[in-house]
Amino acid sequence: MNKNVNYFLLEKSDIINKKINISLPKIIVYFLINDNEIVYVGHTTRGLYRFFEHDNLGKKFDSYYFIEVPKANIRRIEEHYIKEFKPIYNIINK
């Protein structure tokens, strides 16, 4: 399928009017996934920015999922999922 290049040329106002605001949850438990396997469970109070740090540390993942959680329960919820899924990159399972 070869679309005309003009299809992809937008005016600045088109881009601004269709922008997607970045409103990331602040307190999350997240799951790094590789080949449909959960390979790491973690928590953060810094939103999705933490994912990129894992990539720099050599953890291999091709997708992720996260849930926003109450700060008071963050560790208990994270520990539940680590015990449930036994991800290969969580130290507790090495």
N, C-alpha and C. Protein backbone atom coordinates (compact mmCIF):
# COMPACT_ATOMS: atom_id res chain seq x y z
N MET A 1 0.85 -1.16 0.00
CA MET A 1 0.00 0.00 0.00
C MET A 1 0.90 1.23 0.00
N ASN A 2 0.86 1.99 -1.04
CA ASN A 2 1.69 3.15 -1.19
C ASN A 2 0.84 4.41 -1.14
N LYS A 3 0.88 5.12 -0.02
CA LYS A 3 0.08 6.35 0.10
C LYS A 3 0.88 7.52 -0.42
N ASN A 4 0.19 8.47 -0.93
CA ASN A 4 0.80 9.70 -1.39
C ASN A 4 1.49 10.39 -0.21
N VAL A 5 2.67 10.93 -0.43
CA VAL A 5 3.43 11.59 0.63
C VAL A 5 2.63 12.72 1.25
N ASN A 6 1.82 13.39 0.50
CA ASN A 6 1.03 14.51 1.02
C ASN A 6 0.09 14.07 2.14
N TYR A 7 -0.29 12.80 2.16
CA TYR A 7 -1.14 12.27 3.22
C TYR A 7 -0.48 12.43 4.59
N PHE A 8 0.84 12.35 4.62
CA PHE A 8 1.59 12.40 5.87
C PHE A 8 2.07 13.79 6.24
N LEU A 9 1.86 14.77 5.38
CA LEU A 9 2.30 16.13 5.65
C LEU A 9 1.19 16.90 6.35
N LEU A 10 1.41 17.22 7.61
CA LEU A 10 0.39 17.88 8.43
C LEU A 10 0.77 19.32 8.72
N GLU A 11 -0.21 20.12 8.95
CA GLU A 11 0.01 21.48 9.43
C GLU A 11 0.29 21.43 10.93
N LYS A 12 0.98 22.43 11.43
CA LYS A 12 1.28 22.49 12.86
C LYS A 12 -0.01 22.42 13.67
N SER A 13 -1.05 23.13 13.24
CA SER A 13 -2.31 23.14 13.98
C SER A 13 -2.94 21.74 14.04
N ASP A 14 -2.78 20.94 12.99
CA ASP A 14 -3.29 19.57 13.01
C ASP A 14 -2.61 18.75 14.10
N ILE A 15 -1.31 18.92 14.20
CA ILE A 15 -0.54 18.17 15.20
C ILE A 15 -0.94 18.62 16.61
N ILE A 16 -0.99 19.92 16.82
CA ILE A 16 -1.33 20.45 18.14
C ILE A 16 -2.75 20.04 18.54
N ASN A 17 -3.68 20.10 17.63
CA ASN A 17 -5.07 19.76 17.94
C ASN A 17 -5.27 18.27 18.21
N LYS A 18 -4.37 17.43 17.72
CA LYS A 18 -4.50 15.98 17.90
C LYS A 18 -3.50 15.41 18.90
N LYS A 19 -2.82 16.30 19.60
CA LYS A 19 -1.78 15.84 20.54
C LYS A 19 -2.38 14.97 21.63
N ILE A 20 -1.54 14.13 22.16
CA ILE A 20 -1.92 13.25 23.27
C ILE A 20 -1.14 13.70 24.49
N ASN A 21 -1.84 14.16 25.50
CA ASN A 21 -1.17 14.63 26.70
C ASN A 21 -0.59 13.46 27.48
N ILE A 22 0.56 13.70 28.05
CA ILE A 22 1.21 12.68 28.87
C ILE A 22 0.75 12.88 30.30
N SER A 23 -0.12 12.02 30.73
CA SER A 23 -0.59 12.05 32.11
C SER A 23 -0.37 10.65 32.69
N LEU A 24 0.80 10.46 33.20
CA LEU A 24 1.20 9.15 33.70
C LEU A 24 0.80 8.99 35.16
N PRO A 25 0.34 7.80 35.52
CA PRO A 25 0.07 7.57 36.94
C PRO A 25 1.37 7.65 37.71
N LYS A 26 1.30 8.06 38.95
CA LYS A 26 2.51 8.26 39.73
C LYS A 26 2.93 7.04 40.51
N ILE A 27 1.99 6.25 40.98
CA ILE A 27 2.32 5.09 41.80
C ILE A 27 1.78 3.86 41.11
N ILE A 28 2.70 3.02 40.63
CA ILE A 28 2.26 1.86 39.85
C ILE A 28 3.05 0.61 40.22
N VAL A 29 2.40 -0.53 40.02
CA VAL A 29 3.07 -1.83 39.95
C VAL A 29 3.08 -2.16 38.47
N TYR A 30 4.25 -2.54 37.96
CA TYR A 30 4.36 -2.78 36.52
C TYR A 30 4.93 -4.15 36.23
N PHE A 31 4.63 -4.61 35.03
CA PHE A 31 5.02 -5.95 34.58
C PHE A 31 5.76 -5.79 33.26
N LEU A 32 7.00 -6.26 33.22
CA LEU A 32 7.73 -6.30 31.96
C LEU A 32 7.49 -7.66 31.34
N ILE A 33 7.21 -7.68 30.06
CA ILE A 33 6.79 -8.90 29.37
C ILE A 33 7.68 -9.14 28.17
N ASN A 34 8.11 -10.36 27.97
CA ASN A 34 8.88 -10.74 26.80
C ASN A 34 8.34 -12.06 26.26
N ASP A 35 8.03 -12.09 24.99
CA ASP A 35 7.47 -13.29 24.36
C ASP A 35 6.29 -13.84 25.16
N ASN A 36 5.40 -12.96 25.58
CA ASN A 36 4.19 -13.32 26.33
C ASN A 36 4.46 -13.97 27.68
N GLU A 37 5.64 -13.74 28.23
CA GLU A 37 5.97 -14.20 29.58
C GLU A 37 6.28 -12.98 30.44
N ILE A 38 5.76 -12.94 31.66
CA ILE A 38 6.09 -11.86 32.58
C ILE A 38 7.49 -12.13 33.11
N VAL A 39 8.44 -11.24 32.78
CA VAL A 39 9.84 -11.46 33.14
C VAL A 39 10.28 -10.60 34.32
N TYR A 40 9.48 -9.61 34.69
CA TYR A 40 9.83 -8.76 35.83
C TYR A 40 8.59 -8.07 36.36
N VAL A 41 8.51 -7.98 37.68
CA VAL A 41 7.46 -7.21 38.35
C VAL A 41 8.17 -6.19 39.23
N GLY A 42 7.75 -4.96 39.13
CA GLY A 42 8.36 -3.91 39.93
C GLY A 42 7.33 -2.87 40.34
N HIS A 43 7.80 -1.93 41.13
CA HIS A 43 6.93 -0.81 41.50
C HIS A 43 7.74 0.48 41.41
N THR A 44 7.03 1.56 41.23
CA THR A 44 7.70 2.85 41.15
C THR A 44 6.73 3.96 41.49
N THR A 45 7.28 5.04 41.96
CA THR A 45 6.51 6.25 42.19
C THR A 45 6.86 7.29 41.12
N ARG A 46 7.61 6.86 40.10
CA ARG A 46 8.03 7.77 39.03
C ARG A 46 7.36 7.46 37.70
N GLY A 47 6.27 6.76 37.72
CA GLY A 47 5.54 6.47 36.49
C GLY A 47 6.33 5.61 35.53
N LEU A 48 6.06 5.75 34.27
CA LEU A 48 6.64 4.89 33.24
C LEU A 48 8.12 5.13 32.98
N TYR A 49 8.67 6.18 33.52
CA TYR A 49 10.08 6.47 33.28
C TYR A 49 10.99 5.32 33.73
N ARG A 50 10.57 4.61 34.72
CA ARG A 50 11.37 3.49 35.25
C ARG A 50 11.59 2.40 34.21
N PHE A 51 10.65 2.21 33.28
CA PHE A 51 10.81 1.16 32.25
C PHE A 51 12.08 1.33 31.46
N PHE A 52 12.39 2.55 31.12
CA PHE A 52 13.56 2.81 30.28
C PHE A 52 14.86 2.50 31.02
N GLU A 53 14.86 2.63 32.32
CA GLU A 53 16.04 2.26 33.10
C GLU A 53 16.29 0.75 33.01
N HIS A 54 15.24 -0.05 32.99
CA HIS A 54 15.40 -1.50 32.89
C HIS A 54 16.02 -1.89 31.56
N ASP A 55 15.63 -1.23 30.52
CA ASP A 55 16.21 -1.50 29.21
C ASP A 55 17.71 -1.24 29.24
N ASN A 56 18.12 -0.18 29.90
CA ASN A 56 19.54 0.14 30.01
C ASN A 56 20.29 -0.86 30.89
N LEU A 57 19.58 -1.56 31.75
CA LEU A 57 20.21 -2.56 32.61
C LEU A 57 20.26 -3.95 31.98
N GLY A 58 19.79 -4.07 30.75
CA GLY A 58 19.89 -5.33 30.03
C GLY A 58 18.71 -6.27 30.20
N LYS A 59 17.68 -5.84 30.85
CA LYS A 59 16.49 -6.70 30.95
C LYS A 59 15.80 -6.69 29.59
N LYS A 60 15.54 -7.87 29.06
CA LYS A 60 14.94 -7.99 27.74
C LYS A 60 13.42 -8.06 27.88
N PHE A 61 12.73 -7.09 27.28
CA PHE A 61 11.26 -7.10 27.27
C PHE A 61 10.76 -6.41 26.02
N ASP A 62 9.60 -6.86 25.55
CA ASP A 62 9.03 -6.28 24.33
C ASP A 62 7.70 -5.60 24.57
N SER A 63 7.19 -5.66 25.81
CA SER A 63 5.94 -4.99 26.14
C SER A 63 5.84 -4.85 27.65
N TYR A 64 4.83 -4.15 28.08
CA TYR A 64 4.64 -3.94 29.51
C TYR A 64 3.17 -3.74 29.81
N TYR A 65 2.86 -3.84 31.10
CA TYR A 65 1.52 -3.55 31.60
C TYR A 65 1.72 -2.93 32.97
N PHE A 66 0.79 -2.08 33.39
CA PHE A 66 0.91 -1.51 34.73
C PHE A 66 -0.47 -1.29 35.32
N ILE A 67 -0.49 -1.24 36.65
CA ILE A 67 -1.71 -0.90 37.36
C ILE A 67 -1.37 0.20 38.36
N GLU A 68 -2.26 1.15 38.47
CA GLU A 68 -2.09 2.20 39.47
C GLU A 68 -2.58 1.65 40.80
N VAL A 69 -1.80 1.86 41.85
CA VAL A 69 -2.12 1.28 43.16
C VAL A 69 -1.99 2.34 44.25
N PRO A 70 -2.65 2.12 45.38
CA PRO A 70 -2.48 3.04 46.51
C PRO A 70 -1.07 2.90 47.08
N LYS A 71 -0.46 4.00 47.44
CA LYS A 71 0.92 3.98 47.94
C LYS A 71 1.07 3.08 49.16
N ALA A 72 0.08 3.06 50.02
CA ALA A 72 0.16 2.26 51.25
C ALA A 72 0.27 0.76 50.97
N ASN A 73 -0.18 0.31 49.81
CA ASN A 73 -0.20 -1.14 49.49
C ASN A 73 0.79 -1.54 48.41
N ILE A 74 1.62 -0.64 47.96
CA ILE A 74 2.44 -0.90 46.77
C ILE A 74 3.36 -2.12 46.94
N ARG A 75 4.04 -2.24 48.05
CA ARG A 75 4.97 -3.37 48.23
C ARG A 75 4.22 -4.70 48.37
N ARG A 76 3.12 -4.68 49.08
CA ARG A 76 2.34 -5.91 49.26
C ARG A 76 1.79 -6.41 47.93
N ILE A 77 1.33 -5.51 47.09
CA ILE A 77 0.80 -5.89 45.78
C ILE A 77 1.92 -6.39 44.88
N GLU A 78 3.06 -5.70 44.89
CA GLU A 78 4.21 -6.14 44.09
C GLU A 78 4.65 -7.54 44.53
N GLU A 79 4.79 -7.76 45.82
CA GLU A 79 5.22 -9.07 46.33
C GLU A 79 4.24 -10.18 45.94
N HIS A 80 2.95 -9.88 45.96
CA HIS A 80 1.95 -10.86 45.56
C HIS A 80 2.23 -11.33 44.13
N TYR A 81 2.44 -10.38 43.21
CA TYR A 81 2.65 -10.75 41.81
C TYR A 81 3.99 -11.44 41.59
N ILE A 82 5.00 -11.07 42.35
CA ILE A 82 6.30 -11.76 42.23
C ILE A 82 6.14 -13.22 42.65
N LYS A 83 5.46 -13.47 43.74
CA LYS A 83 5.24 -14.85 44.19
C LYS A 83 4.35 -15.61 43.22
N GLU A 84 3.35 -14.93 42.67
CA GLU A 84 2.40 -15.57 41.76
C GLU A 84 3.04 -15.96 40.42
N PHE A 85 3.82 -15.04 39.84
CA PHE A 85 4.34 -15.25 38.48
C PHE A 85 5.79 -15.70 38.43
N LYS A 86 6.56 -15.52 39.52
CA LYS A 86 7.97 -15.93 39.58
C LYS A 86 8.77 -15.46 38.35
N PRO A 87 8.80 -14.15 38.10
CA PRO A 87 9.51 -13.63 36.94
C PRO A 87 11.02 -13.88 37.03
N ILE A 88 11.64 -14.15 35.89
CA ILE A 88 13.05 -14.53 35.87
C ILE A 88 13.99 -13.42 36.31
N TYR A 89 13.62 -12.16 36.16
CA TYR A 89 14.51 -11.06 36.52
C TYR A 89 14.34 -10.57 37.96
N ASN A 90 13.36 -11.06 38.68
CA ASN A 90 13.23 -10.66 40.08
C ASN A 90 14.22 -11.45 40.92
N ILE A 91 15.02 -10.77 41.68
CA ILE A 91 16.11 -11.37 42.45
C ILE A 91 15.63 -12.45 43.40
N ILE A 92 14.46 -12.28 43.96
CA ILE A 92 13.92 -13.26 44.90
C ILE A 92 13.85 -14.67 44.32
N ASN A 93 13.79 -14.76 42.99
CA ASN A 93 13.65 -16.06 42.34
C ASN A 93 14.96 -16.62 41.81
N LYS A 94 16.06 -15.96 42.03
CA LYS A 94 17.35 -16.45 41.51
C LYS A 94 17.99 -17.42 42.46
